[in-house]
Amino acid sequence: MSAQVQTPILIPAAQFHRSEHEHERPQALSVRTSVTLSAAPSRLLNAFTIPEYIETWLTPPDADEINCSGNPEIGETLSIELRCGVQPVRNIFADYRNISPQDIHIRWYVRSRTSLYVSQLRISLRFTRADTLLRIRHTGFANPNEWNWHQELWRLSVAKMQILIR
């Protein structure tokens, strides 16, 4: 397996919009990461759309058990329950807006005991010679705590995917 990892980074879309007709407002935070894997794009597409596969590589920073249900391939929302011991920590609902062999667009809802956050997840799969370049862009975090949690989620998950996909 060949792998090349970029560290997820904070990317503000812009610091502030300023015009005579707009109020100053901060832009959303983003997580971006990419990795080159020695796997066919179709194999990676399965890793992102089949609940049993997602359970094997998704690695949240505050949960030790993951249960996925739903079938994104037929338009069902993917439900991801994160648990720490017997306690539910968070629920994620992934509404797959578009699934193609090269791109997946997901509206990502994260619900904890006290809040609900909605963001956008874009996954790109590009075949390069014998490898596939996987790019993840997760945008729409207005809350730095949620951004930090997702940055750690994608860092851990991509690392685990590298180990599993050979």
Protein backbone atom coordinates (compact mmCIF):
# COMPACT_ATOMS: atom_id res chain seq x y z
CA MET A 1 0.00 0.00 0.00
CA SER A 2 1.24 3.44 -0.87
CA ALA A 3 0.03 6.38 1.21
CA GLN A 4 0.74 10.05 1.30
CA VAL A 5 -1.14 12.08 3.92
CA GLN A 6 -1.75 15.76 4.28
CA THR A 7 -2.59 16.95 7.75
CA PRO A 8 -6.13 18.36 8.07
CA ILE A 9 -5.93 22.12 8.32
CA LEU A 10 -8.18 25.00 9.22
CA ILE A 11 -9.16 26.88 6.10
CA PRO A 12 -11.34 29.94 6.54
CA ALA A 13 -13.20 30.62 3.30
CA ALA A 14 -12.54 34.30 3.93
CA GLN A 15 -11.97 36.26 7.09
CA PHE A 16 -14.91 38.61 6.68
CA HIS A 17 -17.20 39.85 3.93
CA ARG A 18 -17.32 43.63 3.93
CA SER A 19 -19.48 45.81 1.78
CA GLU A 20 -21.76 48.75 2.19
CA HIS A 21 -24.78 46.46 2.14
CA GLU A 22 -23.55 43.58 4.31
CA HIS A 23 -22.80 43.24 7.95
CA GLU A 24 -19.44 41.80 8.93
CA ARG A 25 -19.76 38.06 9.47
CA PRO A 26 -17.16 35.35 9.97
CA GLN A 27 -17.08 32.58 7.37
CA ALA A 28 -17.43 28.91 8.19
CA LEU A 29 -14.46 26.75 9.12
CA SER A 30 -13.38 23.81 6.94
CA VAL A 31 -11.48 20.54 7.32
CA ARG A 32 -9.54 19.31 4.30
CA THR A 33 -7.42 16.23 4.00
CA SER A 34 -6.16 14.02 1.23
CA VAL A 35 -4.39 10.70 0.93
CA THR A 36 -3.20 8.51 -1.93
CA LEU A 37 -4.20 4.85 -1.53
CA SER A 38 -3.32 1.77 -3.56
CA ALA A 39 -6.94 0.82 -4.11
CA ALA A 40 -9.44 1.05 -6.94
CA PRO A 41 -11.87 3.99 -6.73
CA SER A 42 -14.81 1.53 -6.68
CA ARG A 43 -13.40 -0.04 -3.52
CA LEU A 44 -13.16 3.37 -1.84
CA LEU A 45 -16.67 4.25 -3.03
CA ASN A 46 -17.91 1.13 -1.22
CA ALA A 47 -16.01 2.18 1.90
CA PHE A 48 -18.03 5.42 1.98
CA THR A 49 -21.46 4.02 1.09
CA ILE A 50 -21.83 0.60 2.78
CA PRO A 51 -22.74 0.90 6.50
CA GLU A 52 -20.75 -2.19 7.57
CA TYR A 53 -17.63 -0.80 5.91
CA ILE A 54 -18.09 2.65 7.45
CA GLU A 55 -18.26 1.03 10.89
CA THR A 56 -14.78 -0.46 10.37
CA TRP A 57 -12.86 2.74 9.51
CA LEU A 58 -14.82 5.66 11.01
CA THR A 59 -12.95 6.64 14.16
CA PRO A 60 -14.55 9.36 16.28
CA PRO A 61 -12.37 10.82 19.03
CA ASP A 62 -14.94 10.30 21.81
CA ALA A 63 -16.64 6.98 21.03
CA ASP A 64 -15.67 3.34 21.22
CA GLU A 65 -18.65 1.84 19.40
CA ILE A 66 -20.21 2.76 16.07
CA ASN A 67 -23.48 1.45 14.65
CA CYS A 68 -24.53 2.38 11.12
CA SER A 69 -27.83 1.75 9.37
CA GLY A 70 -29.48 2.89 6.17
CA ASN A 71 -28.66 2.45 2.52
CA PRO A 72 -27.27 5.57 0.78
CA GLU A 73 -27.16 3.73 -2.57
CA ILE A 74 -30.99 3.71 -2.71
CA GLY A 75 -31.45 7.19 -1.24
CA GLU A 76 -31.80 6.32 2.44
CA THR A 77 -30.14 8.55 5.01
CA LEU A 78 -27.22 6.87 6.75
CA SER A 79 -27.66 6.88 10.52
CA ILE A 80 -24.46 6.63 12.56
CA GLU A 81 -24.79 6.15 16.30
CA LEU A 82 -21.65 6.84 18.36
CA ARG A 83 -21.45 5.31 21.83
CA CYS A 84 -18.97 5.39 24.67
CA GLY A 85 -19.69 2.29 26.71
CA VAL A 86 -23.46 2.13 27.01
CA GLN A 87 -23.94 5.89 26.70
CA PRO A 88 -24.85 7.40 23.32
CA VAL A 89 -22.43 10.26 22.66
CA ARG A 90 -23.60 11.58 19.27
CA ASN A 91 -25.78 10.68 16.33
CA ILE A 92 -24.76 11.54 12.81
CA PHE A 93 -27.23 11.55 9.95
CA ALA A 94 -25.60 11.54 6.53
CA ASP A 95 -27.97 12.61 3.77
CA TYR A 96 -26.22 11.55 0.54
CA ARG A 97 -27.12 14.26 -1.97
CA ASN A 98 -25.04 12.81 -4.82
CA ILE A 99 -23.16 9.55 -5.30
CA SER A 100 -21.06 9.05 -8.41
CA PRO A 101 -17.94 6.94 -9.05
CA GLN A 102 -15.75 10.02 -8.49
CA ASP A 103 -17.67 12.27 -6.10
CA ILE A 104 -19.89 11.95 -3.06
CA HIS A 105 -21.75 14.94 -1.63
CA ILE A 106 -23.30 14.56 1.81
CA ARG A 107 -25.32 16.85 4.05
CA TRP A 108 -23.95 15.90 7.50
CA TYR A 109 -26.07 16.37 10.65
CA VAL A 110 -24.42 15.85 14.05
CA ARG A 111 -26.69 15.69 17.07
CA SER A 112 -25.37 15.52 20.61
CA ARG A 113 -27.29 15.80 23.86
CA THR A 114 -27.21 19.58 23.70
CA SER A 115 -26.92 20.63 20.06
CA LEU A 116 -27.42 19.97 16.36
CA TYR A 117 -24.89 21.02 13.71
CA VAL A 118 -25.29 20.79 9.96
CA SER A 119 -22.33 20.79 7.58
CA GLN A 120 -21.39 19.68 4.07
CA LEU A 121 -19.07 16.79 3.26
CA ARG A 122 -17.52 16.32 -0.19
CA ILE A 123 -15.47 13.26 -1.02
CA SER A 124 -13.51 13.10 -4.25
CA LEU A 125 -11.92 9.95 -5.72
CA ARG A 126 -9.40 10.44 -8.55
CA PHE A 127 -7.54 7.55 -10.17
CA THR A 128 -3.84 8.26 -10.78
CA ARG A 129 -1.89 5.41 -12.39
CA ALA A 130 -2.28 2.51 -9.95
CA ASP A 131 -3.46 4.60 -7.00
CA THR A 132 -6.52 6.60 -6.02
CA LEU A 133 -6.32 10.10 -4.60
CA LEU A 134 -8.93 10.51 -1.88
CA ARG A 135 -9.83 14.10 -1.00
CA ILE A 136 -12.15 15.00 1.85
CA ARG A 137 -13.50 18.50 2.24
CA HIS A 138 -15.84 19.09 5.16
CA THR A 139 -17.24 22.62 5.38
CA GLY A 140 -19.77 24.64 7.31
CA PHE A 141 -18.50 24.68 10.88
CA ALA A 142 -19.44 27.92 12.58
CA ASN A 143 -18.43 26.48 15.96
CA PRO A 144 -14.70 25.91 16.62
CA ASN A 145 -15.48 22.98 18.96
CA GLU A 146 -17.32 21.12 16.21
CA TRP A 147 -14.53 21.96 13.77
CA ASN A 148 -11.93 20.55 16.22
CA TRP A 149 -13.99 17.39 16.74
CA HIS A 150 -14.34 16.82 12.99
CA GLN A 151 -10.67 17.56 12.34
CA GLU A 152 -9.77 14.81 14.79
CA LEU A 153 -12.47 12.50 13.37
CA TRP A 154 -11.04 12.76 9.84
CA ARG A 155 -7.41 12.51 11.00
CA LEU A 156 -8.12 9.28 12.91
CA SER A 157 -10.45 7.86 10.25
CA VAL A 158 -8.10 8.41 7.32
CA ALA A 159 -5.25 6.83 9.28
CA LYS A 160 -7.40 3.77 10.03
CA MET A 161 -8.57 3.57 6.42
CA GLN A 162 -4.93 3.49 5.29
CA ILE A 163 -4.37 0.43 7.46
CA LEU A 164 -7.54 -1.37 6.33
CA ILE A 165 -7.44 -0.64 2.61
CA ARG A 166 -4.51 -2.52 1.15
